[in-house]
Amino acid sequence: MITRLTPQDASFHRLESSSNPMHIGSLAIVRDPAPADDSGRAPLDYDGLVDLVENRLALVPRYRRKVREIPFGLGRPVWVDDGRFDITYHVRRAALPGPGTDAQLHDLVARLASRPLDPTRPLWEMYLIEGLSGGRRAVFTKTHSALVDGGTALEIGHVILDAGPSPREVADDAWIAVREPGEVELLALTLIELAGRPREAFEVLRQVGGDALGLVGGRALEKAVSLLRGTASGRDGPFHTHTSRNRRFDVVRTDLEDYREIRRHFDCSVNDVILAVVTGALRIFLQSRDEVLTESAVLRTVVPMSVYLEGPHGDRLKPAGEVSSFVIDLPVGEANPVMRLSHISHSIEAHARNRRGVRARTLVHMAGFAPASLHAMSVRAASTFAEHTFDLVITNAPGPQRPMYIGGARMLEMYPVSPLLRNQASSIGITSYDGRVFYGLNADRDAMADIGVLSAAVHESMEEMLGACVQ
């Protein structure tokens, strides 16, 4: 079966470059069963992960499909079955020199996240990372943002997670690849389709004409215009850079109960508290770089957030089926943490009425949902803003507040690894899971060599907010 990419899927596919891979990453840390465990469960090994993923692929059929371009660019690319699909190409293994440290793991994740996916195959990879200290292993998944739309296509993390140590049963899959069309067939099918849609045909011809002009010499002009746009935007500072091909990755672990305590004291939402903590951390980070911060200094931030119904603690942990996105100014120049929280609460309330939403209907009905799909939807929502209008993207997607398992191994931690949009030096992904709040900080290796300062500043900012509760 041939399916054409939606306009947004196609735009993500075309945004891909060697310096800006457009895949969403997810890092899960799991613990092997203890030797005293009498359940008989074996540690999560490579063969077991391959079997698990292969068993669940029927639930994410797009993971066996690849993208084919239309000859001469006459129309959006299409999804086609990969006739040479090889599960062992996509599910890979890596090992740290034992006993592997968290720092070594983060360095490996940074290297893996910086590599673009193979465009001639289905756009995803998964790594079992062995050798972590303390009987732990890691599963790192990277999925192209074009692959996950939140409706008909979810991130594979949704389907490899189980609510208990015994993997759930899934119906047998008798998948057989549909014959892959040739170039002439793809072109003929596209021309027939365009013949019935004259308005779309005119747009395609206009775009092809523009591309041809670019081949004659317009590329230099396009590059100059892009440079002028970036200069004229007025957005400058440590979070803007010509992105390199290399990344740094760091994490932060915090307790959800701390955010709840602050929420109760100041009568706001957990999302408000999270953003206030991040704002305080960004303030500390900027001060460490000797940035001059006036009282009115702000960081303009795209904040794509899932829209949630209130949970039992007022935490908005139940998905309501939409991912919204808006730009707010984080008050990094404000020295008082309580005032920072107040500014953020009022900004979110004001912007929520005019949010840009991306529907994610399937997420509402998915039991034990994983945040990776929500982060992917958040990145899609963030991409609707012009690149020169903001400083930073922060995605926040709550996860399940109960233990989850991958192939019988209990998941201890989970971190998003959000991509860097063009000319962005860093992205911050945040996920709550099983009573903790986990931060994944992805950054350009050259521009953000001091990403560890920002990680440490999150804890300092949290202490500042908790201190404000007892004053």
Protein backbone atom coordinates (compact mmCIF):
# COMPACT_ATOMS: atom_id res chain seq x y z
CA MET A 1 0.00 0.00 0.00
CA ILE A 2 1.24 3.46 -0.94
CA THR A 3 0.35 6.35 1.38
CA ARG A 4 1.35 9.94 0.76
CA LEU A 5 2.99 11.87 3.58
CA THR A 6 0.81 14.59 5.05
CA PRO A 7 2.03 18.15 4.48
CA GLN A 8 3.43 18.31 8.03
CA ASP A 9 5.08 14.88 7.74
CA ALA A 10 6.67 16.02 4.49
CA SER A 11 7.89 19.27 6.01
CA PHE A 12 9.61 17.37 8.82
CA HIS A 13 11.16 15.00 6.32
CA ARG A 14 12.57 17.91 4.33
CA LEU A 15 13.85 19.72 7.43
CA GLU A 16 16.36 16.90 7.94
CA SER A 17 20.02 17.85 7.55
CA SER A 18 23.34 16.48 8.73
CA SER A 19 23.49 19.23 11.37
CA ASN A 20 19.84 19.02 12.40
CA PRO A 21 18.59 15.42 12.52
CA MET A 22 14.85 15.61 13.12
CA HIS A 23 14.40 12.53 15.28
CA ILE A 24 12.95 12.38 18.76
CA GLY A 25 14.96 10.30 21.23
CA SER A 26 13.95 8.41 24.34
CA LEU A 27 16.32 6.96 26.93
CA ALA A 28 15.00 4.35 29.37
CA ILE A 29 17.10 2.93 32.21
CA VAL A 30 16.03 -0.55 33.32
CA ARG A 31 17.13 -2.84 36.14
CA ASP A 32 17.78 -6.53 35.73
CA PRO A 33 15.88 -8.88 38.06
CA ALA A 34 17.77 -9.42 41.33
CA PRO A 35 19.53 -12.80 41.76
CA ALA A 36 17.22 -13.53 44.70
CA ASP A 37 14.18 -12.95 42.52
CA ASP A 38 12.38 -16.29 42.29
CA SER A 39 10.27 -15.24 39.32
CA GLY A 40 12.61 -16.95 36.89
CA ARG A 41 12.85 -13.85 34.71
CA ALA A 42 16.05 -13.50 32.73
CA PRO A 43 17.81 -10.14 32.26
CA LEU A 44 16.77 -8.09 29.25
CA ASP A 45 19.18 -9.21 26.54
CA TYR A 46 19.53 -8.38 22.87
CA ASP A 47 17.64 -11.39 21.55
CA GLY A 48 14.83 -10.75 23.99
CA LEU A 49 14.55 -7.11 22.91
CA VAL A 50 14.52 -8.09 19.22
CA ASP A 51 11.74 -10.61 19.88
CA LEU A 52 9.77 -8.07 21.89
CA VAL A 53 10.01 -5.35 19.23
CA GLU A 54 9.26 -7.77 16.39
CA ASN A 55 6.21 -8.99 18.28
CA ARG A 56 4.87 -5.44 18.74
CA LEU A 57 5.56 -4.02 15.25
CA ALA A 58 2.03 -4.82 14.13
CA LEU A 59 0.87 -2.10 16.55
CA VAL A 60 3.07 0.50 14.80
CA PRO A 61 2.92 -0.55 11.12
CA ARG A 62 4.68 2.57 9.87
CA TYR A 63 7.88 1.27 11.50
CA ARG A 64 8.19 -1.19 8.58
CA ARG A 65 7.67 1.47 5.95
CA LYS A 66 10.16 3.84 4.37
CA VAL A 67 9.92 7.15 2.54
CA ARG A 68 10.20 7.36 -1.24
CA GLU A 69 10.60 10.65 -3.05
CA ILE A 70 8.57 11.35 -6.19
CA PRO A 71 10.69 11.84 -9.34
CA PHE A 72 11.30 15.50 -10.21
CA GLY A 73 9.73 16.51 -6.88
CA LEU A 74 6.21 16.32 -8.36
CA GLY A 75 4.34 15.93 -5.11
CA ARG A 76 4.89 14.94 -1.51
CA PRO A 77 6.89 11.76 -0.77
CA VAL A 78 5.08 8.51 -0.01
CA TRP A 79 5.27 5.73 2.56
CA VAL A 80 5.95 2.30 1.05
CA ASP A 81 6.64 -1.09 2.59
CA ASP A 82 10.33 -1.88 2.97
CA GLY A 83 10.72 -5.13 1.07
CA ARG A 84 14.15 -5.74 2.64
CA PHE A 85 13.06 -4.89 6.18
CA ASP A 86 15.58 -6.31 8.67
CA ILE A 87 14.71 -6.05 12.35
CA THR A 88 18.34 -6.58 13.36
CA TYR A 89 19.36 -3.49 11.36
CA HIS A 90 17.04 -1.34 13.43
CA VAL A 91 17.46 -2.97 16.85
CA ARG A 92 21.13 -2.71 17.74
CA ARG A 93 23.36 -3.23 20.74
CA ALA A 94 26.13 -1.25 22.35
CA ALA A 95 28.21 -1.71 25.49
CA LEU A 96 29.99 0.58 27.89
CA PRO A 97 33.36 -0.37 29.37
CA GLY A 98 32.27 -1.85 32.71
CA PRO A 99 31.35 -0.73 35.16
CA GLY A 100 29.75 1.86 32.89
CA THR A 101 29.10 5.24 34.45
CA ASP A 102 26.18 7.56 33.81
CA ALA A 103 28.58 10.07 32.24
CA GLN A 104 29.73 7.44 29.73
CA LEU A 105 26.11 6.60 28.95
CA HIS A 106 25.24 10.25 28.34
CA ASP A 107 28.24 10.67 26.05
CA LEU A 108 27.15 7.62 24.04
CA VAL A 109 23.58 8.91 23.79
CA ALA A 110 24.91 12.27 22.56
CA ARG A 111 26.87 10.53 19.79
CA LEU A 112 23.91 8.35 18.79
CA ALA A 113 21.53 11.32 18.82
CA SER A 114 23.81 13.33 16.54
CA ARG A 115 23.73 10.75 13.74
CA PRO A 116 21.00 11.13 11.09
CA LEU A 117 18.85 8.09 10.33
CA ASP A 118 19.33 6.16 7.09
CA PRO A 119 16.84 7.75 4.64
CA THR A 120 16.67 4.58 2.52
CA ARG A 121 15.17 2.53 5.39
CA PRO A 122 12.37 2.94 7.92
CA LEU A 123 13.26 6.01 9.98
CA TRP A 124 14.00 4.58 13.42
CA GLU A 125 16.67 2.81 15.48
CA MET A 126 16.75 1.22 18.91
CA TYR A 127 19.84 0.40 20.99
CA LEU A 128 20.22 -1.95 23.93
CA ILE A 129 23.11 -0.46 25.91
CA GLU A 130 24.79 -2.94 28.24
CA GLY A 131 27.53 -2.58 30.84
CA LEU A 132 25.91 0.03 33.10
CA SER A 133 26.90 -0.18 36.75
CA GLY A 134 24.50 -1.51 39.38
CA GLY A 135 22.89 -4.22 37.24
CA ARG A 136 21.31 -1.67 34.93
CA ARG A 137 20.85 -1.49 31.18
CA ALA A 138 19.53 1.22 28.90
CA VAL A 139 17.26 1.26 25.87
CA PHE A 140 17.74 4.26 23.60
CA THR A 141 15.25 4.80 20.80
CA LYS A 142 15.36 7.40 18.03
CA THR A 143 12.39 7.94 15.73
CA HIS A 144 12.09 10.52 13.00
CA SER A 145 9.50 13.18 13.80
CA ALA A 146 7.83 12.56 10.42
CA LEU A 147 7.01 9.06 11.59
CA VAL A 148 4.92 10.00 14.65
CA ASP A 149 1.70 11.95 14.16
CA GLY A 150 -0.12 10.99 17.37
CA GLY A 151 -3.13 9.74 15.43
CA THR A 152 -2.41 6.87 13.06
CA ALA A 153 1.25 6.52 14.05
CA LEU A 154 2.70 6.39 17.57
CA GLU A 155 6.26 6.17 18.89
CA ILE A 156 7.40 2.61 19.48
CA GLY A 157 7.84 3.30 23.21
CA HIS A 158 4.07 3.04 23.49
CA VAL A 159 4.07 -0.60 22.54
CA ILE A 160 7.22 -2.07 24.11
CA LEU A 161 6.26 -0.90 27.61
CA ASP A 162 4.13 -3.14 29.79
CA ALA A 163 2.31 -2.40 33.05
CA GLY A 164 3.68 -5.57 34.67
CA PRO A 165 6.78 -7.79 34.55
CA SER A 166 5.03 -10.33 32.32
CA PRO A 167 4.83 -9.03 28.74
CA ARG A 168 1.25 -8.87 27.48
CA GLU A 169 0.11 -11.10 24.67
CA VAL A 170 -0.18 -9.59 21.20
CA ALA A 171 -1.85 -11.25 18.23
CA ASP A 172 0.48 -12.98 15.78
CA ASP A 173 1.57 -10.82 12.88
CA ALA A 174 1.67 -12.34 9.39
CA TRP A 175 3.14 -9.27 7.71
CA ILE A 176 4.23 -9.57 4.09
CA ALA A 177 5.67 -6.53 2.36
CA VAL A 178 3.67 -5.13 -0.54
CA ARG A 179 5.78 -4.87 -3.69
CA GLU A 180 7.71 -1.61 -3.79
CA PRO A 181 6.75 0.60 -6.76
CA GLY A 182 9.32 1.68 -9.32
CA GLU A 183 10.14 5.27 -10.27
CA VAL A 184 7.87 5.26 -13.34
CA GLU A 185 4.98 3.82 -11.36
CA LEU A 186 5.37 6.41 -8.60
CA LEU A 187 5.46 9.21 -11.16
CA ALA A 188 2.39 7.88 -13.01
CA LEU A 189 0.36 7.51 -9.82
CA THR A 190 1.28 11.05 -8.76
CA LEU A 191 0.36 12.57 -12.13
CA ILE A 192 -3.02 10.81 -12.09
CA GLU A 193 -3.62 12.12 -8.57
CA LEU A 194 -2.64 15.66 -9.52
CA ALA A 195 -4.88 15.57 -12.60
CA GLY A 196 -7.87 15.37 -10.27
CA ARG A 197 -6.61 18.20 -8.06
CA PRO A 198 -5.77 21.15 -10.29
CA ARG A 199 -5.15 23.57 -7.42
CA GLU A 200 -2.60 21.21 -5.85
CA ALA A 201 -1.06 20.57 -9.27
CA PHE A 202 -0.55 24.30 -9.77
CA GLU A 203 1.14 24.57 -6.36
CA VAL A 204 3.45 21.64 -7.16
CA LEU A 205 4.45 23.18 -10.50
CA ARG A 206 5.09 26.52 -8.82
CA GLN A 207 7.30 24.83 -6.23
CA VAL A 208 9.19 22.82 -8.86
CA GLY A 209 9.79 26.03 -10.79
CA GLY A 210 11.18 27.67 -7.68
CA ASP A 211 13.45 24.69 -7.08
CA ALA A 212 14.75 24.91 -10.63
CA LEU A 213 15.57 28.58 -10.12
CA GLY A 214 17.49 27.60 -7.02
CA LEU A 215 19.55 25.13 -9.03
CA VAL A 216 20.52 27.86 -11.48
CA GLY A 217 21.94 30.05 -8.76
CA GLY A 218 19.23 30.80 -6.27
CA ARG A 219 20.81 28.74 -3.49
CA ALA A 220 23.34 31.46 -2.75
CA LEU A 221 20.53 34.02 -2.63
CA GLU A 222 18.49 31.77 -0.33
CA LYS A 223 21.44 31.39 2.00
CA ALA A 224 21.97 35.16 2.07
CA VAL A 225 18.28 35.80 2.79
CA SER A 226 18.37 33.25 5.60
CA LEU A 227 21.42 34.93 7.11
CA LEU A 228 19.75 38.34 6.91
CA ARG A 229 16.61 36.98 8.56
CA GLY A 230 18.65 35.61 11.44
CA THR A 231 20.46 38.93 11.85
CA ALA A 232 17.33 41.03 11.61
CA SER A 233 15.44 38.93 14.10
CA GLY A 234 17.16 40.54 17.04
CA ARG A 235 17.36 37.19 18.85
CA ASP A 236 20.93 36.58 19.94
CA GLY A 237 22.74 35.00 22.87
CA PRO A 238 24.02 31.65 24.08
CA PHE A 239 20.95 29.72 22.89
CA HIS A 240 21.45 30.67 19.23
CA THR A 241 24.12 29.12 17.06
CA HIS A 242 24.86 27.67 13.65
CA THR A 243 24.26 24.11 14.79
CA SER A 244 27.18 21.71 14.47
CA ARG A 245 26.92 17.98 13.79
CA ASN A 246 27.79 17.00 17.36
CA ARG A 247 25.80 16.97 20.58
CA ARG A 248 26.13 16.91 24.34
CA PHE A 249 23.52 15.25 26.55
CA ASP A 250 22.95 15.54 30.28
CA VAL A 251 20.13 14.64 32.65
CA VAL A 252 18.53 15.83 35.89
CA ARG A 253 16.56 13.70 38.35
CA THR A 254 14.08 15.38 40.70
CA ASP A 255 11.16 14.31 42.91
CA LEU A 256 7.58 14.96 41.81
CA GLU A 257 6.53 15.52 45.43
CA ASP A 258 8.71 18.66 45.57
CA TYR A 259 6.75 20.17 42.69
CA ARG A 260 3.49 19.18 44.35
CA GLU A 261 4.54 20.89 47.58
CA ILE A 262 5.27 24.12 45.72
CA ARG A 263 2.01 23.80 43.77
CA ARG A 264 -0.01 23.43 46.97
CA HIS A 265 1.71 26.38 48.63
CA PHE A 266 1.27 28.81 45.73
CA ASP A 267 -2.02 27.44 44.29
CA CYS A 268 -0.79 26.88 40.76
CA SER A 269 -0.20 23.88 38.47
CA VAL A 270 2.72 21.46 38.44
CA ASN A 271 3.48 22.66 34.90
CA ASP A 272 3.81 26.22 36.24
CA VAL A 273 6.23 25.04 38.92
CA ILE A 274 8.33 23.09 36.43
CA LEU A 275 8.70 26.14 34.20
CA ALA A 276 9.55 28.33 37.21
CA VAL A 277 12.28 25.89 38.24
CA VAL A 278 13.64 25.84 34.68
CA THR A 279 13.55 29.65 34.58
CA GLY A 280 15.58 29.87 37.78
CA ALA A 281 18.09 27.38 36.36
CA LEU A 282 18.40 29.36 33.13
CA ARG A 283 18.99 32.53 35.18
CA ILE A 284 21.83 30.84 37.10
CA PHE A 285 23.27 29.48 33.85
CA LEU A 286 23.27 32.90 32.18
CA GLN A 287 24.89 34.47 35.24
CA SER A 288 27.63 31.80 35.09
CA ARG A 289 28.40 33.11 31.60
CA ASP A 290 28.59 36.70 32.84
CA GLU A 291 25.48 37.65 30.85
CA VAL A 292 24.08 41.03 31.88
CA LEU A 293 20.55 40.43 33.18
CA THR A 294 18.35 43.45 33.71
CA GLU A 295 15.18 43.05 35.73
CA SER A 296 13.13 42.93 32.53
CA ALA A 297 15.34 40.31 30.80
CA VAL A 298 13.41 37.36 29.35
CA LEU A 299 14.04 34.24 27.31
CA ARG A 300 11.37 33.78 24.66
CA THR A 301 10.47 30.13 24.83
CA VAL A 302 8.24 27.83 22.80
CA VAL A 303 6.41 25.72 25.35
CA PRO A 304 4.61 22.86 23.66
CA MET A 305 2.59 21.12 26.37
CA SER A 306 0.08 18.34 26.28
CA VAL A 307 -3.35 19.43 27.43
CA TYR A 308 -4.39 17.30 30.40
CA LEU A 309 -7.36 16.79 32.60
CA GLU A 310 -6.73 17.26 36.31
CA GLY A 311 -5.49 14.20 38.18
CA PRO A 312 -6.20 13.43 41.84
CA HIS A 313 -3.41 15.77 42.96
CA GLY A 314 -4.18 18.55 40.47
CA ASP A 315 -1.20 17.45 38.40
CA ARG A 316 -2.86 17.20 34.97
CA LEU A 317 -1.55 13.70 34.39
CA LYS A 318 -4.44 12.43 32.26
CA PRO A 319 -4.25 13.19 28.52
CA ALA A 320 -7.14 15.16 27.05
CA GLY A 321 -6.09 14.47 23.46
CA GLU A 322 -4.32 17.59 22.24
CA VAL A 323 -0.79 18.97 22.25
CA SER A 324 -0.79 22.75 22.37
CA SER A 325 2.03 25.18 21.75
CA PHE A 326 2.60 28.81 22.63
CA VAL A 327 5.43 31.27 23.16
CA ILE A 328 5.99 32.74 26.61
CA ASP A 329 8.69 34.97 27.99
CA LEU A 330 10.51 33.31 30.87
CA PRO A 331 11.48 36.09 33.34
CA VAL A 332 15.16 35.20 33.81
CA GLY A 333 15.87 38.76 34.94
CA GLU A 334 13.54 38.46 37.94
CA ALA A 335 15.54 37.71 41.10
CA ASN A 336 12.54 36.73 43.26
CA PRO A 337 11.51 33.07 42.67
CA VAL A 338 7.93 33.72 43.80
CA MET A 339 7.56 36.55 41.31
CA ARG A 340 9.00 34.33 38.56
CA LEU A 341 6.34 31.72 39.32
CA SER A 342 3.60 34.36 39.36
CA HIS A 343 4.66 35.78 35.99
CA ILE A 344 4.74 32.31 34.45
CA SER A 345 1.33 31.30 35.82
CA HIS A 346 -0.31 34.42 34.42
CA SER A 347 1.45 34.06 31.06
CA ILE A 348 0.34 30.47 30.61
CA GLU A 349 -3.24 31.33 31.58
CA ALA A 350 -3.31 34.16 29.06
CA HIS A 351 -1.75 32.17 26.23
CA ALA A 352 -3.78 29.00 26.77
CA ARG A 353 -6.80 30.68 25.19
CA ASN A 354 -4.86 31.20 21.95
CA ARG A 355 -2.80 28.04 21.83
CA ARG A 356 -1.93 26.19 18.65
CA GLY A 357 -3.10 22.61 18.97
CA VAL A 358 -2.01 19.40 17.30
CA ARG A 359 -4.56 16.65 17.69
CA ALA A 360 -3.38 13.34 19.14
CA ARG A 361 -6.59 11.36 19.41
CA THR A 362 -5.02 7.93 19.67
CA LEU A 363 -3.09 8.95 22.77
CA VAL A 364 -6.31 9.36 24.72
CA HIS A 365 -7.19 5.71 24.30
CA MET A 366 -3.75 4.18 24.71
CA ALA A 367 -3.41 2.46 28.08
CA GLY A 368 -0.06 2.91 29.79
CA PHE A 369 0.92 5.62 27.34
CA ALA A 370 4.58 6.55 26.98
CA PRO A 371 5.67 10.19 26.87
CA ALA A 372 7.87 9.81 23.77
CA SER A 373 4.87 10.19 21.44
CA LEU A 374 3.80 13.31 23.30
CA HIS A 375 7.30 14.79 23.03
CA ALA A 376 7.29 14.05 19.30
CA MET A 377 3.95 15.82 18.96
CA SER A 378 5.32 18.73 20.99
CA VAL A 379 8.26 19.14 18.61
CA ARG A 380 5.83 19.17 15.69
CA ALA A 381 3.82 21.89 17.42
CA ALA A 382 6.97 23.91 18.13
CA SER A 383 8.02 23.77 14.49
CA THR A 384 5.01 25.88 13.49
CA PHE A 385 6.79 28.96 14.87
CA ALA A 386 9.32 30.83 12.78
CA GLU A 387 12.85 29.93 13.87
CA HIS A 388 13.95 33.52 14.50
CA THR A 389 11.14 34.31 16.95
CA PHE A 390 12.23 32.32 20.02
CA ASP A 391 15.28 31.31 22.04
CA LEU A 392 14.51 27.84 23.35
CA VAL A 393 12.07 24.90 23.13
CA ILE A 394 10.94 23.16 26.33
CA THR A 395 8.75 20.06 25.99
CA ASN A 396 6.93 18.66 28.99
CA ALA A 397 5.01 15.37 28.79
CA PRO A 398 3.91 13.49 31.90
CA GLY A 399 4.39 9.74 31.95
CA PRO A 400 2.74 6.93 33.90
CA GLN A 401 2.91 7.25 37.69
CA ARG A 402 3.36 3.54 38.25
CA PRO A 403 6.22 1.15 37.47
CA MET A 404 6.52 0.08 33.84
CA TYR A 405 8.51 -2.76 32.31
CA ILE A 406 10.39 -3.53 29.11
CA GLY A 407 10.66 -7.24 28.42
CA GLY A 408 10.22 -7.99 32.14
CA ALA A 409 12.89 -5.50 33.27
CA ARG A 410 11.59 -2.70 35.47
CA MET A 411 12.10 0.78 34.06
CA LEU A 412 13.78 3.04 36.62
CA GLU A 413 14.17 6.29 34.69
CA MET A 414 13.10 7.75 31.38
CA TYR A 415 14.52 10.80 29.62
CA PRO A 416 13.40 12.58 26.45
CA VAL A 417 16.07 13.56 23.93
CA SER A 418 14.42 16.30 21.88
CA PRO A 419 16.02 17.42 18.60
CA LEU A 420 17.56 20.83 18.11
CA LEU A 421 15.59 22.96 15.70
CA ARG A 422 17.61 25.00 13.23
CA ASN A 423 20.03 27.48 14.83
CA GLN A 424 19.07 26.35 18.33
CA ALA A 425 21.87 25.56 20.79
CA SER A 426 19.80 23.50 23.21
CA SER A 427 16.48 21.82 23.87
CA ILE A 428 15.00 20.72 27.20
CA GLY A 429 12.69 17.72 27.47
CA ILE A 430 10.91 16.92 30.72
CA THR A 431 9.04 13.76 31.70
CA SER A 432 7.44 12.67 34.96
CA TYR A 433 7.39 8.97 35.76
CA ASP A 434 6.70 6.92 38.88
CA GLY A 435 7.07 9.78 41.34
CA ARG A 436 10.07 11.44 39.70
CA VAL A 437 10.56 14.23 37.18
CA PHE A 438 13.34 13.61 34.66
CA TYR A 439 15.03 16.24 32.51
CA GLY A 440 16.85 15.45 29.27
CA LEU A 441 19.12 18.29 28.11
CA ASN A 442 20.25 18.00 24.50
CA ALA A 443 22.72 20.61 23.30
CA ASP A 444 25.11 21.56 20.54
CA ARG A 445 28.54 20.27 21.54
CA ASP A 446 30.43 23.40 20.51
CA ALA A 447 27.99 26.03 21.76
CA MET A 448 27.05 24.36 25.07
CA ALA A 449 30.20 22.73 26.41
CA ASP A 450 29.02 23.86 29.86
CA ILE A 451 25.65 22.06 29.73
CA GLY A 452 26.53 20.49 33.10
CA VAL A 453 26.24 23.95 34.68
CA LEU A 454 22.61 24.13 33.55
CA SER A 455 21.93 20.63 34.89
CA ALA A 456 23.31 21.51 38.32
CA ALA A 457 21.39 24.79 38.28
CA VAL A 458 18.07 22.90 38.15
CA HIS A 459 18.72 21.54 41.65
CA GLU A 460 19.80 24.96 42.89
CA SER A 461 16.65 26.53 41.48
CA MET A 462 14.49 23.84 43.08
CA GLU A 463 16.06 24.51 46.49
CA GLU A 464 15.33 28.20 46.01
CA MET A 465 11.67 27.49 45.24
CA LEU A 466 11.29 25.11 48.20
CA GLY A 467 12.89 27.72 50.46
CA ALA A 468 10.28 30.23 49.35
CA CYS A 469 7.58 27.88 50.67
CA VAL A 470 8.80 28.20 54.28
CA GLN A 471 9.36 31.94 54.37
